[in-house]
Protein backbone atom coordinates (compact mmCIF):
# COMPACT_ATOMS: atom_id res chain seq x y z
CA MET A 1 -27.72 -6.23 64.94
CA ALA A 2 -29.26 -9.18 63.10
CA GLY A 3 -28.47 -12.18 65.24
CA THR A 4 -27.05 -15.63 64.66
CA ALA A 5 -29.23 -18.71 64.40
CA ASP A 6 -28.94 -19.53 68.14
CA ALA A 7 -29.57 -15.96 69.35
CA PRO A 8 -33.07 -14.61 70.00
CA LEU A 9 -34.85 -13.48 66.85
CA THR A 10 -35.07 -9.68 67.04
CA VAL A 11 -38.16 -7.95 65.67
CA ILE A 12 -39.43 -4.42 65.10
CA ILE A 13 -43.22 -4.06 64.88
CA VAL A 14 -44.54 -1.19 62.75
CA ASP A 15 -48.26 -0.48 63.05
CA ASP A 16 -50.23 2.67 63.83
CA TYR A 17 -52.88 0.90 65.94
CA PRO A 18 -51.60 0.71 69.54
CA LEU A 19 -53.91 -2.15 70.49
CA PHE A 20 -52.68 -4.35 67.63
CA ARG A 21 -49.06 -3.31 68.12
CA ASP A 22 -49.12 -4.05 71.85
CA ALA A 23 -50.92 -7.36 71.40
CA ILE A 24 -48.39 -8.62 68.86
CA ARG A 25 -45.53 -7.42 71.03
CA ALA A 26 -46.88 -9.30 74.04
CA ALA A 27 -47.34 -12.47 71.97
CA MET A 28 -43.82 -12.30 70.54
CA ASP A 29 -42.20 -11.48 73.87
CA ALA A 30 -43.85 -14.61 75.26
CA GLU A 31 -41.95 -16.71 72.71
CA PRO A 32 -38.58 -17.90 74.08
CA ASP A 33 -36.83 -17.45 70.72
CA MET A 34 -38.11 -13.92 69.98
CA ARG A 35 -37.36 -10.46 71.31
CA VAL A 36 -39.18 -7.30 70.21
CA VAL A 37 -36.61 -4.49 70.22
CA ALA A 38 -39.03 -1.73 69.17
CA ALA A 39 -42.69 -1.16 68.37
CA VAL A 40 -43.44 2.02 66.44
CA ALA A 41 -46.30 3.73 64.63
CA ASP A 42 -44.89 5.31 61.46
CA ALA A 43 -42.34 4.98 58.68
CA ASP A 44 -39.80 7.48 60.02
CA ALA A 45 -39.67 5.79 63.41
CA ALA A 46 -39.40 2.38 61.74
CA VAL A 47 -36.37 3.45 59.71
CA ALA A 48 -34.70 5.09 62.71
CA GLU A 49 -35.19 2.01 64.91
CA ALA A 50 -34.03 -0.32 62.13
CA ALA A 51 -30.80 1.68 61.80
CA ARG A 52 -30.35 1.56 65.57
CA HIS A 53 -31.12 -2.11 66.25
CA ARG A 54 -30.44 -3.86 62.92
CA PRO A 55 -33.19 -6.41 63.69
CA ASP A 56 -33.60 -9.79 62.05
CA VAL A 57 -37.15 -9.00 60.94
CA VAL A 58 -39.43 -5.99 60.59
CA LEU A 59 -43.16 -6.72 60.77
CA LEU A 60 -44.57 -3.91 58.65
CA ASP A 61 -48.15 -2.70 58.37
CA ALA A 62 -48.90 -2.00 54.70
CA GLN A 63 -50.86 1.14 55.64
CA ILE A 64 -48.65 2.98 58.10
CA PRO A 65 -48.76 6.78 57.93
CA GLY A 66 -46.04 8.77 56.22
CA GLU A 67 -45.44 7.19 52.82
CA ASP A 68 -46.30 4.20 50.66
CA THR A 69 -45.03 0.75 51.56
CA ALA A 70 -42.58 0.54 48.65
CA ALA A 71 -40.81 3.72 49.75
CA THR A 72 -40.59 2.49 53.33
CA LEU A 73 -39.10 -0.81 52.16
CA GLY A 74 -36.38 1.04 50.28
CA ARG A 75 -35.49 3.13 53.32
CA LEU A 76 -35.46 0.09 55.59
CA ARG A 77 -33.12 -1.70 53.19
CA ASP A 78 -30.75 1.28 53.23
CA ALA A 79 -30.88 1.54 57.03
CA SER A 80 -30.39 -2.18 57.73
CA PRO A 81 -29.53 -4.23 54.61
CA ASP A 82 -29.64 -7.63 56.34
CA THR A 83 -33.06 -7.10 57.90
CA ARG A 84 -35.93 -9.04 56.35
CA VAL A 85 -39.46 -7.70 56.09
CA VAL A 86 -42.84 -9.38 56.55
CA VAL A 87 -45.82 -7.24 55.52
CA ILE A 88 -49.23 -7.50 57.13
CA SER A 89 -52.16 -5.98 55.26
CA PRO A 90 -55.95 -5.72 55.31
CA HIS A 91 -55.98 -5.97 51.50
CA ASP A 92 -56.18 -9.23 49.58
CA ASP A 93 -54.61 -7.41 46.64
CA PRO A 94 -52.68 -9.40 43.99
CA ARG A 95 -51.08 -6.32 42.45
CA LEU A 96 -49.76 -5.06 45.79
CA THR A 97 -48.61 -8.55 46.75
CA ARG A 98 -46.69 -8.96 43.49
CA GLN A 99 -45.14 -5.50 43.81
CA LEU A 100 -43.92 -6.11 47.35
CA LEU A 101 -42.55 -9.56 46.55
CA LEU A 102 -40.55 -8.04 43.70
CA LEU A 103 -39.20 -5.54 46.22
CA GLY A 104 -37.93 -8.39 48.36
CA VAL A 105 -40.39 -8.90 51.21
CA CYS A 106 -40.28 -12.36 52.78
CA GLY A 107 -43.95 -12.61 53.61
CA TYR A 108 -47.36 -11.06 52.92
CA LEU A 109 -50.04 -11.84 55.49
CA LEU A 110 -53.62 -10.69 55.76
CA LEU A 111 -54.95 -9.28 59.02
CA SER A 112 -57.22 -12.31 59.14
CA SER A 113 -54.18 -14.57 59.58
CA GLY A 114 -53.81 -16.42 62.86
CA LEU A 115 -51.11 -15.71 65.42
CA GLU A 116 -49.29 -18.99 64.79
CA GLU A 117 -49.18 -18.23 61.07
CA LEU A 118 -47.68 -14.82 61.79
CA LEU A 119 -45.05 -16.21 64.16
CA SER A 120 -44.16 -18.91 61.64
CA ALA A 121 -43.76 -16.30 58.88
CA VAL A 122 -41.40 -14.24 61.04
CA ARG A 123 -39.31 -17.30 61.90
CA THR A 124 -39.17 -18.35 58.25
CA ALA A 125 -38.06 -14.86 57.20
CA ARG A 126 -35.18 -14.96 59.66
CA THR A 127 -33.73 -18.14 58.13
CA GLY A 128 -32.86 -16.44 54.84
CA SER A 129 -33.78 -19.65 53.04
CA GLY A 130 -35.55 -17.82 50.23
CA ARG A 131 -38.92 -19.24 51.27
CA ILE A 132 -41.80 -16.76 51.15
CA THR A 133 -44.92 -16.90 53.31
CA LEU A 134 -48.15 -15.85 51.61
CA SER A 135 -51.55 -15.64 53.27
CA ILE A 136 -53.87 -14.60 50.45
CA SER A 137 -56.95 -16.00 48.74
CA ARG A 138 -56.81 -18.51 45.91
CA THR A 139 -58.30 -15.87 43.62
CA SER A 140 -55.49 -13.44 44.40
CA LEU A 141 -52.93 -16.19 43.91
CA ARG A 142 -54.33 -16.92 40.45
CA ARG A 143 -54.30 -13.23 39.60
CA MET A 144 -50.70 -12.93 40.77
CA HIS A 145 -49.72 -15.62 38.28
CA ALA A 146 -51.68 -14.06 35.43
CA ALA A 147 -49.38 -12.85 32.68
CA PRO A 148 -48.12 -9.47 33.95
CA GLU A 149 -47.60 -8.18 30.41
CA VAL A 150 -51.34 -8.27 29.64
CA ARG A 151 -52.63 -4.72 29.35
CA LEU A 152 -55.98 -3.75 27.91
CA SER A 153 -56.51 -0.28 26.54
CA GLU A 154 -59.31 1.80 28.02
CA ARG A 155 -61.42 1.17 24.91
CA GLU A 156 -60.73 -2.59 24.92
CA ARG A 157 -61.72 -2.76 28.57
CA GLY A 158 -64.89 -0.79 27.89
CA VAL A 159 -65.87 -3.09 25.04
CA LEU A 160 -65.23 -6.19 27.14
CA VAL A 161 -67.23 -4.85 30.09
CA LEU A 162 -70.24 -4.28 27.83
CA ALA A 163 -69.78 -7.67 26.19
CA ALA A 164 -69.87 -9.18 29.68
CA GLN A 165 -73.28 -7.56 30.13
CA ALA A 166 -74.63 -9.63 27.22
CA MET A 167 -74.61 -6.74 24.76
CA ARG A 168 -74.21 -7.59 21.09
CA ASN A 169 -71.61 -5.90 18.93
CA ALA A 170 -74.10 -3.45 17.44
CA GLN A 171 -75.33 -2.45 20.90
CA ILE A 172 -71.78 -1.98 22.16
CA GLY A 173 -70.97 0.19 19.16
CA GLU A 174 -74.04 2.32 19.75
CA ARG A 175 -73.22 2.74 23.45
CA LEU A 176 -69.59 3.69 22.77
CA HIS A 177 -70.29 5.65 19.57
CA ILE A 178 -68.06 3.44 17.44
CA SER A 179 -68.79 1.19 14.48
CA GLU A 180 -69.65 -2.49 14.81
CA GLU A 181 -66.47 -3.34 12.89
CA THR A 182 -64.43 -1.37 15.41
CA VAL A 183 -66.08 -3.33 18.22
CA LYS A 184 -65.12 -6.58 16.50
CA ARG A 185 -61.54 -5.37 16.09
CA HIS A 186 -61.26 -4.50 19.77
CA LEU A 187 -62.66 -7.89 20.74
CA ARG A 188 -60.18 -9.66 18.46
CA ASN A 189 -57.36 -7.73 20.14
CA VAL A 190 -58.69 -8.71 23.56
CA PHE A 191 -58.89 -12.38 22.55
CA VAL A 192 -55.27 -12.31 21.38
CA LYS A 193 -53.98 -10.53 24.49
CA LEU A 194 -55.80 -12.89 26.85
CA ASP A 195 -55.33 -16.01 24.73
CA ALA A 196 -59.11 -16.40 24.84
CA GLU A 197 -61.31 -18.52 22.60
CA SER A 198 -64.66 -16.85 23.25
CA ARG A 199 -66.29 -13.91 24.94
CA MET A 200 -66.94 -15.96 28.06
CA ASP A 201 -63.33 -17.11 28.14
CA ALA A 202 -62.09 -13.53 27.68
CA VAL A 203 -64.34 -12.20 30.43
CA ASN A 204 -63.33 -14.95 32.87
CA LYS A 205 -59.63 -14.42 32.20
CA ALA A 206 -59.97 -10.64 32.50
CA ILE A 207 -61.75 -11.02 35.85
CA GLU A 208 -59.10 -13.43 37.15
CA ALA A 209 -56.36 -11.00 36.07
CA GLY A 210 -58.13 -8.13 37.82
CA LEU A 211 -58.60 -6.25 34.54
CA ILE A 212 -62.37 -5.90 34.95
CA GLN A 213 -64.80 -6.37 37.82
CA GLY A 214 -66.76 -9.60 37.97
CA GLY A 215 -69.98 -8.74 39.76
CA GLY A 216 -73.02 -10.30 38.14
CA VAL A 217 -71.82 -10.53 34.54
CA VAL A 218 -73.88 -12.41 31.96
CA VAL A 219 -72.13 -13.35 28.73
CA ARG A 220 -73.60 -14.67 25.51
CA ALA A 221 -72.28 -15.07 21.99
CA GLY A 222 -72.72 -12.19 19.64
């Protein structure tokens, strides 16, 4: 069961790569305040071991076989309500990070994180202080804080993507088979939704929010 503050911190490691799983287990077992009670490769085993051991922390790979991470989190919570979860992921993904934080994870670390950062995140999770450990890029952090209610329609996104390629309104209309006035209306809607003052501002904000891709765009007035 989840231990007291002076008892060893109990951990379950969930990752389908044996080399990674064994390396993390060895590192944690070498820490005097940690004890790995199980190391498993899939969601079903993780839930079963969590119900059996009631660990302080589960270190969860975001890509384990069996089901998506959100579903696994729900099952872990049912199996061991007091257990806290730290997710480790190869993806610097602001949407996934936000989703998992809303589901109650205590940390989100990239695979590029160092061992000391991982150990610190696990220790922080055990405290129950409400502190969250994030190891993501500044770009992802900005996108996480972008207004979540912003949603562009497929047509608005298409117009903005073409505007980012330096197309004028008439060219965009011709490409999308809509009138120039309709293009202007879509751009006005985009400006309002993104609180943008210009095409360049709208494109930059859309890229930061992950609404469009930002590779090699060139924007001009038009």
